[in-house]
C-alpha atoms as a PDB file:
ATOM      1  CA  MET A   1     240.877 -21.696 217.383  1.00  0.00           C
ATOM      2  CA  VAL A   2     239.208 -21.152 213.990  1.00  0.00           C
ATOM      3  CA  LYS A   3     241.839 -18.588 212.971  1.00  0.00           C
ATOM      4  CA  SER A   4     244.652 -20.973 213.924  1.00  0.00           C
ATOM      5  CA  SER A   5     243.069 -23.797 211.943  1.00  0.00           C
ATOM      6  CA  ALA A   6     242.613 -21.556 208.921  1.00  0.00           C
ATOM      7  CA  LYS A   7     246.259 -20.456 209.095  1.00  0.00           C
ATOM      8  CA  LEU A   8     247.430 -24.050 209.427  1.00  0.00           C
ATOM      9  CA  ILE A   9     245.331 -25.132 206.427  1.00  0.00           C
ATOM     10  CA  PHE A  10     246.677 -22.203 204.395  1.00  0.00           C
ATOM     11  CA  ILE A  11     250.312 -23.026 205.269  1.00  0.00           C
ATOM     12  CA  CYS A  12     249.782 -26.720 204.486  1.00  0.00           C
ATOM     13  CA  SER A  13     248.217 -25.771 201.142  1.00  0.00           C
ATOM     14  CA  LEU A  14     251.242 -23.655 200.262  1.00  0.00           C
ATOM     15  CA  LEU A  15     253.620 -26.458 201.198  1.00  0.00           C
ATOM     16  CA  LEU A  16     251.609 -28.987 199.211  1.00  0.00           C
ATOM     17  CA  ALA A  17     251.548 -26.664 196.207  1.00  0.00           C
ATOM     18  CA  SER A  18     255.310 -26.288 196.391  1.00  0.00           C
ATOM     19  CA  CYS A  19     255.843 -30.059 196.628  1.00  0.00           C
ATOM     20  CA  VAL A  20     253.442 -30.833 193.780  1.00  0.00           C
ATOM     21  CA  ARG A  21     255.160 -28.347 191.478  1.00  0.00           C
ATOM     22  CA  ASP A  22     258.529 -29.897 192.317  1.00  0.00           C
ATOM     23  CA  VAL A  23     257.214 -33.385 191.578  1.00  0.00           C
ATOM     24  CA  TRP A  24     255.518 -32.374 188.321  1.00  0.00           C
ATOM     25  CA  GLY A  25     258.308 -30.101 187.193  1.00  0.00           C
ATOM     26  CA  LYS A  26     258.040 -27.968 184.124  1.00  0.00           C
ATOM     27  CA  THR A  27     256.203 -28.777 180.952  1.00  0.00           C
ATOM     28  CA  HIS A  28     258.058 -27.906 177.744  1.00  0.00           C
ATOM     29  CA  VAL A  29     256.256 -27.086 174.502  1.00  0.00           C
ATOM     30  CA  VAL A  30     258.253 -27.235 171.277  1.00  0.00           C
ATOM     31  CA  ILE A  31     256.804 -25.778 168.087  1.00  0.00           C
ATOM     32  CA  HIS A  32     258.369 -26.926 164.803  1.00  0.00           C
ATOM     33  CA  ASN A  33     257.829 -24.969 161.594  1.00  0.00           C
ATOM     34  CA  ASN A  34     256.766 -27.592 159.053  1.00  0.00           C
ATOM     35  CA  LEU A  35     255.563 -25.124 156.432  1.00  0.00           C
ATOM     36  CA  PRO A  36     256.979 -25.138 152.902  1.00  0.00           C
ATOM     37  CA  ALA A  37     260.715 -24.349 152.655  1.00  0.00           C
ATOM     38  CA  GLU A  38     261.822 -20.759 153.285  1.00  0.00           C
ATOM     39  CA  THR A  39     258.501 -19.866 154.986  1.00  0.00           C
ATOM     40  CA  THR A  40     258.886 -18.052 158.286  1.00  0.00           C
ATOM     41  CA  LEU A  41     256.184 -18.838 160.842  1.00  0.00           C
ATOM     42  CA  THR A  42     255.204 -15.969 163.140  1.00  0.00           C
ATOM     43  CA  VAL A  43     253.934 -17.262 166.486  1.00  0.00           C
ATOM     44  CA  HIS A  44     252.364 -15.353 169.380  1.00  0.00           C
ATOM     45  CA  CYS A  45     251.483 -17.446 172.452  1.00  0.00           C
ATOM     46  CA  LYS A  46     249.713 -16.410 175.644  1.00  0.00           C
ATOM     47  CA  SER A  47     248.134 -17.810 178.763  1.00  0.00           C
ATOM     48  CA  LYS A  48     245.819 -16.041 181.177  1.00  0.00           C
ATOM     49  CA  ASP A  49     248.882 -14.777 183.030  1.00  0.00           C
ATOM     50  CA  ASP A  50     251.741 -14.736 180.520  1.00  0.00           C
ATOM     51  CA  ASP A  51     252.271 -13.156 177.109  1.00  0.00           C
ATOM     52  CA  LEU A  52     255.252 -14.889 175.495  1.00  0.00           C
ATOM     53  CA  GLY A  53     255.549 -12.304 172.728  1.00  0.00           C
ATOM     54  CA  PHE A  54     256.092 -12.710 168.998  1.00  0.00           C
ATOM     55  CA  HIS A  55     258.554 -15.264 167.658  1.00  0.00           C
ATOM     56  CA  TYR A  56     259.669 -15.670 164.067  1.00  0.00           C
ATOM     57  CA  ILE A  57     260.366 -19.351 163.539  1.00  0.00           C
ATOM     58  CA  THR A  58     262.323 -20.812 160.678  1.00  0.00           C
ATOM     59  CA  SER A  59     262.891 -24.169 162.390  1.00  0.00           C
ATOM     60  CA  SER A  60     261.765 -24.499 166.070  1.00  0.00           C
ATOM     61  CA  TRP A  61     260.936 -22.518 169.200  1.00  0.00           C
ATOM     62  CA  GLU A  62     260.091 -23.690 172.710  1.00  0.00           C
ATOM     63  CA  PHE A  63     258.776 -22.442 176.023  1.00  0.00           C
ATOM     64  CA  SER A  64     258.281 -23.936 179.497  1.00  0.00           C
ATOM     65  CA  PHE A  65     255.784 -23.509 182.310  1.00  0.00           C
ATOM     66  CA  ASN A  66     254.375 -25.128 185.425  1.00  0.00           C
ATOM     67  CA  ILE A  67     250.860 -26.545 185.309  1.00  0.00           C
ATOM     68  CA  ASN A  68     248.605 -24.862 187.859  1.00  0.00           C
ATOM     69  CA  LEU A  69     247.259 -26.848 190.798  1.00  0.00           C
ATOM     70  CA  ILE A  70     243.692 -26.946 189.566  1.00  0.00           C
ATOM     71  CA  MET A  71     244.810 -28.411 186.206  1.00  0.00           C
ATOM     72  CA  THR A  72     243.373 -25.633 184.047  1.00  0.00           C
ATOM     73  CA  THR A  73     246.572 -24.370 182.398  1.00  0.00           C
ATOM     74  CA  LEU A  74     245.936 -23.145 178.858  1.00  0.00           C
ATOM     75  CA  PHE A  75     248.321 -21.631 176.321  1.00  0.00           C
ATOM     76  CA  PHE A  76     246.795 -20.340 173.107  1.00  0.00           C
ATOM     77  CA  CYS A  77     248.704 -19.171 170.063  1.00  0.00           C
ATOM     78  CA  SER A  78     248.223 -17.359 166.812  1.00  0.00           C
ATOM     79  CA  PHE A  79     250.196 -18.562 163.798  1.00  0.00           C
ATOM     80  CA  ALA A  80     250.825 -16.452 160.734  1.00  0.00           C
ATOM     81  CA  TRP A  81     252.643 -16.888 157.450  1.00  0.00           C
ATOM     82  CA  PRO A  82     252.063 -15.213 154.081  1.00  0.00           C
ATOM     83  CA  ASN A  83     248.322 -15.065 153.325  1.00  0.00           C
ATOM     84  CA  HIS A  84     247.434 -17.154 156.430  1.00  0.00           C
ATOM     85  CA  PHE A  85     246.395 -16.398 159.993  1.00  0.00           C
ATOM     86  CA  GLU A  86     245.368 -19.255 162.300  1.00  0.00           C
ATOM     87  CA  ARG A  87     244.717 -19.871 165.997  1.00  0.00           C
ATOM     88  CA  PHE A  88     245.114 -22.952 168.151  1.00  0.00           C
ATOM     89  CA  ASP A  89     245.184 -23.839 171.864  1.00  0.00           C
ATOM     90  CA  ILE A  90     248.705 -25.290 171.884  1.00  0.00           C
ATOM     91  CA  TYR A  91     248.487 -26.621 175.456  1.00  0.00           C
ATOM     92  CA  VAL A  92     245.288 -27.576 177.276  1.00  0.00           C
ATOM     93  CA  THR A  93     245.941 -29.503 180.479  1.00  0.00           C
ATOM     94  CA  LYS A  94     242.867 -31.740 180.185  1.00  0.00           C
ATOM     95  CA  ARG A  95     243.761 -32.669 176.588  1.00  0.00           C
ATOM     96  CA  ASP A  96     247.566 -32.790 176.734  1.00  0.00           C
ATOM     97  CA  ASN A  97     248.764 -33.614 180.241  1.00  0.00           C
ATOM     98  CA  LYS A  98     248.207 -37.369 180.002  1.00  0.00           C
ATOM     99  CA  HIS A  99     249.955 -37.538 176.603  1.00  0.00           C
ATOM    100  CA  CYS A 100     252.860 -35.147 177.059  1.00  0.00           C
ATOM    101  CA  SER A 101     253.162 -34.040 180.671  1.00  0.00           C
ATOM    102  CA  THR A 102     256.808 -32.988 180.410  1.00  0.00           C
ATOM    103  CA  LEU A 103     257.363 -32.485 176.649  1.00  0.00           C
ATOM    104  CA  CYS A 104     254.768 -31.549 174.026  1.00  0.00           C
ATOM    105  CA  GLU A 105     256.141 -31.285 170.524  1.00  0.00           C
ATOM    106  CA  TRP A 106     254.072 -29.891 167.674  1.00  0.00           C
ATOM    107  CA  ASN A 107     254.591 -29.749 163.908  1.00  0.00           C
ATOM    108  CA  ILE A 108     252.832 -26.775 162.377  1.00  0.00           C
ATOM    109  CA  LEU A 109     251.462 -27.595 158.937  1.00  0.00           C
ATOM    110  CA  PRO A 110     249.189 -25.548 156.648  1.00  0.00           C
ATOM    111  CA  ALA A 111     246.326 -27.998 157.397  1.00  0.00           C
ATOM    112  CA  GLY A 112     246.764 -27.673 161.181  1.00  0.00           C
ATOM    113  CA  PRO A 113     249.006 -28.588 164.121  1.00  0.00           C
ATOM    114  CA  CYS A 114     250.085 -32.202 164.745  1.00  0.00           C
ATOM    115  CA  ARG A 115     251.291 -33.369 168.158  1.00  0.00           C
ATOM    116  CA  LYS A 116     254.017 -35.960 168.537  1.00  0.00           C
ATOM    117  CA  ASN A 117     252.560 -39.336 169.485  1.00  0.00           C
ATOM    118  CA  GLU A 118     254.162 -40.530 172.728  1.00  0.00           C
ATOM    119  CA  TYR A 119     253.856 -44.160 171.628  1.00  0.00           C
ATOM    120  CA  THR A 120     255.057 -44.038 168.017  1.00  0.00           C
ATOM    121  CA  GLY A 121     257.219 -40.915 167.945  1.00  0.00           C
ATOM    122  CA  ALA A 122     255.388 -39.792 164.794  1.00  0.00           C
ATOM    123  CA  PHE A 123     253.599 -36.435 164.510  1.00  0.00           C
ATOM    124  CA  ASP A 124     250.277 -38.132 163.788  1.00  0.00           C
ATOM    125  CA  VAL A 125     247.953 -36.663 166.437  1.00  0.00           C
ATOM    126  CA  CYS A 126     246.538 -33.868 164.296  1.00  0.00           C
ATOM    127  CA  PHE A 127     243.949 -31.195 165.054  1.00  0.00           C
ATOM    128  CA  PRO A 128     242.118 -28.628 162.925  1.00  0.00           C
ATOM    129  CA  TRP A 129     242.815 -24.942 163.349  1.00  0.00           C
ATOM    130  CA  ASP A 130     240.414 -23.110 165.652  1.00  0.00           C
ATOM    131  CA  PRO A 131     237.496 -21.650 163.688  1.00  0.00           C
ATOM    132  CA  PRO A 132     238.071 -18.032 162.607  1.00  0.00           C
ATOM    133  CA  THR A 133     234.922 -16.966 164.483  1.00  0.00           C
ATOM    134  CA  GLN A 134     236.269 -18.201 167.834  1.00  0.00           C
ATOM    135  CA  LEU A 135     237.101 -14.874 169.454  1.00  0.00           C
ATOM    136  CA  GLY A 136     236.600 -15.771 173.113  1.00  0.00           C
ATOM    137  CA  ARG A 137     240.169 -14.802 173.956  1.00  0.00           C
ATOM    138  CA  LYS A 138     242.012 -11.629 173.138  1.00  0.00           C
ATOM    139  CA  THR A 139     244.646 -12.349 170.530  1.00  0.00           C
ATOM    140  CA  ALA A 140     246.855  -9.970 168.653  1.00  0.00           C
ATOM    141  CA  HIS A 141     246.483  -9.677 164.917  1.00  0.00           C
ATOM    142  CA  LEU A 142     249.678 -10.261 163.017  1.00  0.00           C
ATOM    143  CA  ASN A 143     250.660  -8.374 159.925  1.00  0.00           C
ATOM    144  CA  VAL A 144     252.636 -10.752 157.765  1.00  0.00           C
END
């Protein structure tokens, strides 16, 4: 009886997970290069499970993902341009899901990233870069 109940709970959990992902759909992150003209932005984003590789952005780049069921999805990125190397958690479910659950747009500026405000449409929700001593996650060093 216990084994049957455990199997039933497991199957129901899988079905619920499938339904929740279908309801939530994918989250899209768009990164806009807002550095001075002619400056290429090198971006390298990762999550615990996915390495999205290096991207050389002159205007914009985007990626999509599904938020995990326990609402702990995190994508962290390194940003490099001549004489600069910065890090920032570009998507943190607890911070971003209520503000941009399906589309998170970011302007990357020398002073830090600014998220598009869902109410005004302006890129006025700005954050500082992560401190250079924050090395809790493995990130690749970029040679720019």
